[in-house]
């Protein structure tokens, strides 16, 4: 029996959260017998999409400048019409060569509007294929709230015209799509909840730190890192700390942070054993991105969250508020963060160590594979 072919489109811009989550899903699909090709459009991220996954990188690779508003190539130049055309042609070529049974677009059309120059022709090409692949949108549990008129309506129109289903990688006991997407009722018949996409619980690291401070990819977490390090001097018996800046922090800022390290505080750009370190830690201090929160919940350590909120971002704050309501984390708003507030938050967060939500589904990658099998079977 031929393995079902999956083409998975992922465009990461600032951080690594999107490609990390998508890679977990892709790995689960492969384990379930799917033939997976992942198409990525961002700068290379070491370790992703993972071993055994067929991977095509669109050229020129792009990232964003000044938040999520502008696209630039690997050399820092604006992408421009020629770059857009090259990427669109390459994406359509991959579609034609792969002839997938299933296509998944990560975030789009709920996000990644910047990529419409390549994704709208991509959707039209899928619609014209015979046999036509099943098209799925893959989105995280909490969406960025759109403040510009008409955008939610545009998303609904694209879902109704092109998409078979919307895969919401969340647990309905924690969040629902209608919490952050006002027009959810118009596409309710297409929504499938997979549970949170999280890796298996980590084996605790033999290298023990009391506190692990992390800033995701590092492009926007310097304020958190500085306040956390300063707070260390304000608490009693801080113990050993591990500070992970993320690979995207600029060299001068990293050097400044590393110079403050010592015998009981070690500063790293990246740790491949991040999850294992959480498994042996008492406390995590981090932003409130989807993947980091899943890792912390799996590890069972205390959690102090400082959600990224610059440029009108709402997703991480909404997640942090919900986790505090459930008694699973403490949080400090980014605009108000000070060393004193971090020091006070540490004691509160430590009291939550080991708390879990007993009915929280965190096996979203495997559930995604099961749901796709089900949808393929029903579609014949």
Protein backbone atom coordinates (compact mmCIF):
# COMPACT_ATOMS: atom_id res chain seq x y z
CA UNK A 1 0.00 0.00 0.00
CA UNK A 2 1.39 3.40 -1.02
CA UNK A 3 2.15 5.81 1.82
CA UNK A 4 -0.02 8.94 1.73
CA UNK A 5 2.05 11.91 0.55
CA UNK A 6 2.04 15.09 2.66
CA UNK A 7 3.39 18.48 1.58
CA UNK A 8 3.86 20.71 4.64
CA UNK A 9 4.50 24.46 4.11
CA UNK A 10 6.15 26.34 6.99
CA UNK A 11 7.35 29.96 6.96
CA UNK A 12 9.17 30.98 10.14
CA UNK A 13 10.21 34.61 10.49
CA UNK A 14 11.49 35.90 13.85
CA UNK A 15 11.72 32.86 16.10
CA UNK A 16 11.88 29.09 15.82
CA UNK A 17 8.53 28.20 17.40
CA UNK A 18 6.62 27.61 14.16
CA UNK A 19 9.19 25.30 12.61
CA UNK A 20 9.74 23.47 15.92
CA UNK A 21 6.04 22.68 16.33
CA UNK A 22 5.65 21.74 12.67
CA UNK A 23 8.67 19.45 12.89
CA UNK A 24 7.09 17.53 15.79
CA UNK A 25 3.95 17.06 13.70
CA UNK A 26 5.98 15.99 10.65
CA UNK A 27 7.91 13.44 12.69
CA UNK A 28 4.68 11.97 14.07
CA UNK A 29 3.28 11.73 10.54
CA UNK A 30 6.37 9.86 9.39
CA UNK A 31 6.13 7.47 12.33
CA UNK A 32 2.54 6.79 11.27
CA UNK A 33 3.61 5.89 7.74
CA UNK A 34 3.07 9.15 5.86
CA UNK A 35 5.57 10.27 3.22
CA UNK A 36 6.37 13.86 4.31
CA UNK A 37 7.98 16.71 2.39
CA UNK A 38 8.43 19.94 4.35
CA UNK A 39 8.88 23.21 2.47
CA UNK A 40 10.39 26.00 4.55
CA UNK A 41 10.86 29.62 3.64
CA UNK A 42 12.95 31.01 6.50
CA UNK A 43 16.60 31.05 7.43
CA UNK A 44 18.13 27.66 8.34
CA UNK A 45 17.57 26.51 11.92
CA UNK A 46 19.99 23.80 13.14
CA UNK A 47 18.20 20.57 14.02
CA UNK A 48 14.98 21.32 12.12
CA UNK A 49 12.88 19.95 10.54
CA UNK A 50 14.48 16.79 11.93
CA UNK A 51 16.03 13.53 10.74
CA UNK A 52 14.38 11.65 7.90
CA UNK A 53 12.05 14.44 6.79
CA UNK A 54 12.43 15.39 3.13
CA UNK A 55 13.16 19.12 3.18
CA UNK A 56 13.00 21.80 0.47
CA UNK A 57 14.14 25.34 1.30
CA UNK A 58 12.64 28.12 -0.76
CA UNK A 59 15.13 30.66 -2.10
CA UNK A 60 15.72 33.39 -1.31
CA UNK A 61 15.27 32.55 2.33
CA UNK A 62 13.52 35.33 4.20
CA UNK A 63 13.14 36.72 7.67
CA UNK A 64 11.30 39.78 8.95
CA UNK A 65 12.60 43.18 9.92
CA UNK A 66 11.06 45.47 12.52
CA UNK A 67 8.70 42.87 13.94
CA UNK A 68 6.68 41.01 11.33
CA UNK A 69 6.10 43.88 8.92
CA UNK A 70 8.87 43.58 6.31
CA UNK A 71 10.54 40.73 4.44
CA UNK A 72 14.22 40.63 3.68
CA UNK A 73 16.52 38.06 2.15
CA UNK A 74 19.52 36.37 3.73
CA UNK A 75 21.71 39.39 2.92
CA UNK A 76 19.34 41.84 4.61
CA UNK A 77 17.93 43.29 1.37
CA UNK A 78 14.20 43.74 0.79
CA UNK A 79 12.81 40.64 -0.92
CA UNK A 80 11.38 42.53 -3.90
CA UNK A 81 9.30 41.36 -6.88
CA UNK A 82 12.05 39.16 -8.36
CA UNK A 83 12.52 37.31 -5.09
CA UNK A 84 8.78 36.86 -4.71
CA UNK A 85 8.49 35.45 -8.23
CA UNK A 86 11.38 33.01 -7.72
CA UNK A 87 9.87 31.68 -4.51
CA UNK A 88 6.39 31.31 -6.00
CA UNK A 89 7.73 29.40 -9.00
CA UNK A 90 9.78 27.10 -6.79
CA UNK A 91 6.83 26.40 -4.49
CA UNK A 92 4.57 25.54 -7.43
CA UNK A 93 7.30 23.30 -8.85
CA UNK A 94 7.53 21.38 -5.57
CA UNK A 95 3.76 20.95 -5.58
CA UNK A 96 3.83 19.54 -9.10
CA UNK A 97 6.70 17.16 -8.34
CA UNK A 98 5.28 15.92 -5.04
CA UNK A 99 1.68 15.33 -6.18
CA UNK A 100 0.56 15.19 -2.53
CA UNK A 101 -2.55 13.59 -1.10
CA UNK A 102 -2.52 16.15 1.72
CA UNK A 103 -1.21 19.73 1.86
CA UNK A 104 -0.75 21.54 5.18
CA UNK A 105 -0.13 25.27 5.48
CA UNK A 106 1.28 26.27 8.86
CA UNK A 107 -0.44 29.44 10.18
CA UNK A 108 -1.93 30.56 6.86
CA UNK A 109 -4.55 31.94 6.26
CA UNK A 110 -4.89 32.97 9.93
CA UNK A 111 -1.36 34.37 9.81
CA UNK A 112 1.54 34.86 7.41
CA UNK A 113 -0.38 37.36 5.27
CA UNK A 114 3.03 38.63 4.12
CA UNK A 115 3.36 35.43 2.08
CA UNK A 116 0.18 35.84 0.02
CA UNK A 117 2.29 36.53 -3.06
CA UNK A 118 3.24 32.84 -3.12
CA UNK A 119 0.43 31.22 -1.14
CA UNK A 120 -2.57 32.51 -3.10
CA UNK A 121 -1.20 31.07 -6.39
CA UNK A 122 -0.34 27.93 -4.40
CA UNK A 123 -3.97 27.57 -3.23
CA UNK A 124 -5.26 28.10 -6.78
CA UNK A 125 -2.89 25.43 -8.10
CA UNK A 126 -4.07 22.96 -5.43
CA UNK A 127 -7.70 23.69 -6.31
CA UNK A 128 -7.02 22.89 -9.97
CA UNK A 129 -5.27 19.55 -9.31
CA UNK A 130 -6.95 16.25 -10.17
CA UNK A 131 -7.13 14.38 -7.92
CA UNK A 132 -7.31 17.34 -5.59
CA UNK A 133 -5.28 17.07 -2.36
CA UNK A 134 -6.98 17.62 0.98
CA UNK A 135 -5.86 21.03 2.23
CA UNK A 136 -5.45 21.68 5.98
CA UNK A 137 -4.55 24.83 7.91
CA UNK A 138 -2.33 24.10 10.92
CA UNK A 139 -2.63 26.71 13.67
CA UNK A 140 -1.61 27.09 17.30
CA UNK A 141 -4.14 27.28 20.11
CA UNK A 142 -4.15 31.08 20.48
CA UNK A 143 -4.20 33.43 17.49
CA UNK A 144 -2.97 36.97 17.17
CA UNK A 145 -6.02 39.23 17.35
CA UNK A 146 -6.48 41.13 14.08
CA UNK A 147 -7.18 44.82 14.57
CA UNK A 148 -7.48 45.75 10.89
CA UNK A 149 -11.02 45.64 9.46
CA UNK A 150 -11.75 42.87 6.99
CA UNK A 151 -8.88 40.52 7.79
CA UNK A 152 -10.93 37.96 9.70
CA UNK A 153 -13.53 38.02 6.92
CA UNK A 154 -10.78 37.39 4.36
CA UNK A 155 -9.55 34.43 6.40
CA UNK A 156 -13.05 32.93 6.54
CA UNK A 157 -13.48 33.35 2.78
CA UNK A 158 -10.20 31.53 2.07
CA UNK A 159 -11.06 28.71 4.48
CA UNK A 160 -14.49 28.20 2.90
CA UNK A 161 -13.15 28.25 -0.66
CA UNK A 162 -9.98 26.21 -0.31
CA UNK A 163 -9.55 24.32 2.97
CA UNK A 164 -10.86 20.91 3.94
CA UNK A 165 -10.24 21.33 7.68
CA UNK A 166 -8.51 23.59 10.24
CA UNK A 167 -6.23 21.75 12.67
CA UNK A 168 -6.17 23.65 15.98
CA UNK A 169 -3.18 22.49 18.00
CA UNK A 170 -4.76 23.09 21.37
CA UNK A 171 -6.91 21.56 24.08
CA UNK A 172 -10.47 22.85 24.37
CA UNK A 173 -10.16 22.68 28.15
CA UNK A 174 -7.42 25.32 27.97
CA UNK A 175 -8.36 27.52 25.01
CA UNK A 176 -10.86 27.55 22.15
CA UNK A 177 -10.46 29.09 18.72
CA UNK A 178 -13.41 31.42 19.38
CA UNK A 179 -11.44 32.99 22.24
CA UNK A 180 -9.16 34.74 19.76
CA UNK A 181 -10.94 34.42 16.39
CA UNK A 182 -14.29 36.28 16.47
CA UNK A 183 -15.69 34.59 13.33
CA UNK A 184 -14.97 31.05 14.48
CA UNK A 185 -18.67 30.09 14.29
CA UNK A 186 -18.59 30.58 10.50
CA UNK A 187 -16.04 27.80 10.08
CA UNK A 188 -17.03 25.65 13.05
CA UNK A 189 -17.78 22.63 10.83
CA UNK A 190 -14.16 22.62 9.63
CA UNK A 191 -12.36 22.84 12.99
CA UNK A 192 -10.57 19.84 14.50
CA UNK A 193 -8.74 20.05 17.85
CA UNK A 194 -5.59 17.95 18.06
CA UNK A 195 -4.44 18.70 21.60
CA UNK A 196 -1.21 20.54 22.35
CA UNK A 197 1.77 19.51 20.23
CA UNK A 198 4.42 18.64 22.79
CA UNK A 199 7.32 16.19 22.80
CA UNK A 200 7.35 13.31 25.24
CA UNK A 201 8.23 14.13 28.84
CA UNK A 202 11.99 14.69 29.13
CA UNK A 203 14.42 12.49 31.01
CA UNK A 204 15.82 14.85 33.67
CA UNK A 205 19.36 16.01 32.98
CA UNK A 206 22.12 14.92 35.34
CA UNK A 207 23.38 18.51 35.01
CA UNK A 208 21.19 20.24 37.57
CA UNK A 209 20.28 23.93 37.66
CA UNK A 210 17.76 25.35 40.09
CA UNK A 211 16.59 27.95 37.57
CA UNK A 212 16.60 27.86 33.77
CA UNK A 213 16.15 31.23 32.05
CA UNK A 214 15.40 31.15 28.32
CA UNK A 215 14.45 33.61 25.60
CA UNK A 216 13.31 31.42 22.71
CA UNK A 217 15.12 32.34 19.50
CA UNK A 218 16.60 35.35 21.28
CA UNK A 219 15.67 38.04 18.77
CA UNK A 220 13.30 39.81 21.16
CA UNK A 221 14.09 38.52 24.65
CA UNK A 222 16.94 40.70 25.91
CA UNK A 223 14.77 42.67 28.36
CA UNK A 224 13.70 39.42 30.01
CA UNK A 225 17.28 38.14 30.22
CA UNK A 226 18.62 41.35 31.77
CA UNK A 227 15.85 41.57 34.38
CA UNK A 228 16.17 37.91 35.35
CA UNK A 229 19.94 38.10 35.82
CA UNK A 230 19.57 41.25 37.92
CA UNK A 231 16.86 39.57 40.01
CA UNK A 232 19.25 36.76 40.91
CA UNK A 233 21.09 39.14 43.21
CA UNK A 234 17.86 40.01 45.05
CA UNK A 235 16.78 36.54 46.19
CA UNK A 236 18.06 34.32 48.96
CA UNK A 237 19.84 31.09 48.05
CA UNK A 238 19.48 31.45 44.27
CA UNK A 239 21.38 28.23 43.56
CA UNK A 240 22.80 27.41 40.13
CA UNK A 241 21.29 29.17 37.13
CA UNK A 242 21.38 28.33 33.43
CA UNK A 243 20.73 31.27 31.09
CA UNK A 244 19.97 30.42 27.44
CA UNK A 245 19.91 33.52 25.25
CA UNK A 246 18.78 31.94 21.98
CA UNK A 247 20.81 31.80 18.76
CA UNK A 248 19.51 35.10 17.37
CA UNK A 249 20.73 37.44 20.12
CA UNK A 250 23.33 39.83 18.68
CA UNK A 251 26.98 39.21 19.53
CA UNK A 252 27.53 42.33 21.65
CA UNK A 253 24.48 41.63 23.83
CA UNK A 254 25.48 38.01 24.29
CA UNK A 255 29.02 38.98 25.31
CA UNK A 256 27.63 41.46 27.85
CA UNK A 257 25.42 38.79 29.41
CA UNK A 258 28.13 36.12 29.33
CA UNK A 259 30.52 38.45 31.18
CA UNK A 260 28.14 38.29 34.18
CA UNK A 261 28.35 34.51 34.37
CA UNK A 262 30.34 32.65 36.95
CA UNK A 263 30.57 29.41 38.86
CA UNK A 264 26.87 29.36 39.72
CA UNK A 265 25.45 31.07 36.61
CA UNK A 266 26.27 29.71 33.17
CA UNK A 267 25.27 31.58 30.00
CA UNK A 268 24.73 29.75 26.70
CA UNK A 269 23.43 30.68 23.27
CA UNK A 270 21.71 27.33 22.77
CA UNK A 271 21.28 24.04 24.58
CA UNK A 272 20.10 21.03 22.64
CA UNK A 273 19.16 19.45 25.99
CA UNK A 274 16.90 22.36 27.01
CA UNK A 275 13.96 20.10 27.80
CA UNK A 276 16.13 17.78 29.89
CA UNK A 277 17.43 20.76 31.85
CA UNK A 278 13.85 21.76 32.60
CA UNK A 279 13.18 18.24 33.80
CA UNK A 280 15.74 18.61 36.59
CA UNK A 281 15.08 22.30 37.35
CA UNK A 282 12.85 23.82 40.00
CA UNK A 283 11.90 26.88 37.97
CA UNK A 284 11.71 28.12 34.38
CA UNK A 285 11.75 31.84 33.60
CA UNK A 286 10.77 32.38 29.98
CA UNK A 287 8.53 34.05 27.46
CA UNK A 288 5.12 32.47 26.88
CA UNK A 289 5.57 31.01 23.42
CA UNK A 290 3.65 27.87 22.54
CA UNK A 291 6.58 25.45 22.45
CA UNK A 292 8.31 26.73 25.57
CA UNK A 293 5.09 26.53 27.57
CA UNK A 294 4.51 22.96 26.37
CA UNK A 295 8.05 22.02 27.40
CA UNK A 296 7.59 23.55 30.85
CA UNK A 297 4.22 21.84 31.40
CA UNK A 298 5.72 18.49 30.42
CA UNK A 299 8.72 19.00 32.72
CA UNK A 300 6.55 19.90 35.72
CA UNK A 301 8.82 22.67 37.02
CA UNK A 302 7.55 26.03 38.28
CA UNK A 303 6.98 28.65 35.60
CA UNK A 304 7.40 32.43 35.57
CA UNK A 305 6.27 33.85 32.24
CA UNK A 306 7.12 37.21 30.67
CA UNK A 307 5.05 37.19 27.46
CA UNK A 308 6.36 38.95 24.35
CA UNK A 309 3.97 41.83 23.68
CA UNK A 310 5.83 44.33 21.47
CA UNK A 311 4.23 45.59 18.27
CA UNK A 312 0.71 44.79 19.42
CA UNK A 313 1.35 41.06 19.89
CA UNK A 314 -1.39 39.48 22.02
CA UNK A 315 -0.90 35.72 21.71
CA UNK A 316 1.65 35.14 24.46
CA UNK A 317 -0.13 37.38 26.96
CA UNK A 318 -3.41 35.51 26.41
CA UNK A 319 -1.63 32.20 27.04
CA UNK A 320 0.09 33.47 30.19
CA UNK A 321 -3.19 34.81 31.62
CA UNK A 322 -4.94 31.48 31.02
CA UNK A 323 -2.13 29.49 32.67
CA UNK A 324 -2.18 31.77 35.70
CA UNK A 325 -5.94 31.29 35.99
CA UNK A 326 -5.35 27.51 36.08
CA UNK A 327 -2.61 27.88 38.70
CA UNK A 328 0.04 26.54 36.34
CA UNK A 329 2.21 29.66 36.03
CA UNK A 330 2.88 33.18 37.24
CA UNK A 331 3.42 36.01 34.80
CA UNK A 332 4.75 39.56 34.55
CA UNK A 333 3.77 41.87 31.72
CA UNK A 334 6.75 42.70 29.53
CA UNK A 335 6.20 46.47 29.76
CA UNK A 336 6.35 46.32 33.56
CA UNK A 337 9.23 43.93 34.10
CA UNK A 338 11.84 44.93 36.67
CA UNK A 339 14.39 42.90 38.65
CA UNK A 340 12.28 43.43 41.77
CA UNK A 341 9.15 42.06 40.08
CA UNK A 342 11.04 39.04 38.79
CA UNK A 343 12.43 38.35 42.26
CA UNK A 344 8.91 38.48 43.74
CA UNK A 345 7.54 36.30 40.96
CA UNK A 346 10.14 33.60 41.53
CA UNK A 347 8.77 32.74 44.98
CA UNK A 348 5.19 32.54 43.68
CA UNK A 349 6.17 30.40 40.70
CA UNK A 350 8.18 27.96 42.79
CA UNK A 351 5.03 27.21 44.81
CA UNK A 352 3.40 25.86 41.62
CA UNK A 353 6.11 23.32 40.91
CA UNK A 354 4.67 19.96 39.93
CA UNK A 355 1.12 21.20 39.34
CA UNK A 356 -0.60 19.75 36.27
CA UNK A 357 -3.92 19.96 34.51
CA UNK A 358 -5.10 16.33 34.72
CA UNK A 359 -7.22 16.36 31.55
CA UNK A 360 -4.89 18.39 29.33
CA UNK A 361 -4.22 16.61 26.03
CA UNK A 362 -0.56 17.13 25.09
CA UNK A 363 -0.27 14.40 22.44
CA UNK A 364 -1.22 16.68 19.57
CA UNK A 365 1.36 15.46 17.05
CA UNK A 366 0.18 11.84 17.15
CA UNK A 367 -3.46 12.95 17.25
CA UNK A 368 -2.83 15.01 14.10
CA UNK A 369 -1.61 11.87 12.33
CA UNK A 370 -4.71 9.97 13.48
CA UNK A 371 -7.04 12.74 12.32
CA UNK A 372 -5.40 12.96 8.90
CA UNK A 373 -5.78 9.20 8.45
CA UNK A 374 -9.43 9.55 9.39
CA UNK A 375 -10.04 12.43 6.99
CA UNK A 376 -8.32 10.59 4.13
CA UNK A 377 -10.44 7.52 4.76
CA UNK A 378 -13.67 9.50 4.85
CA UNK A 379 -12.72 11.37 1.68
CA UNK A 380 -12.12 8.09 -0.13
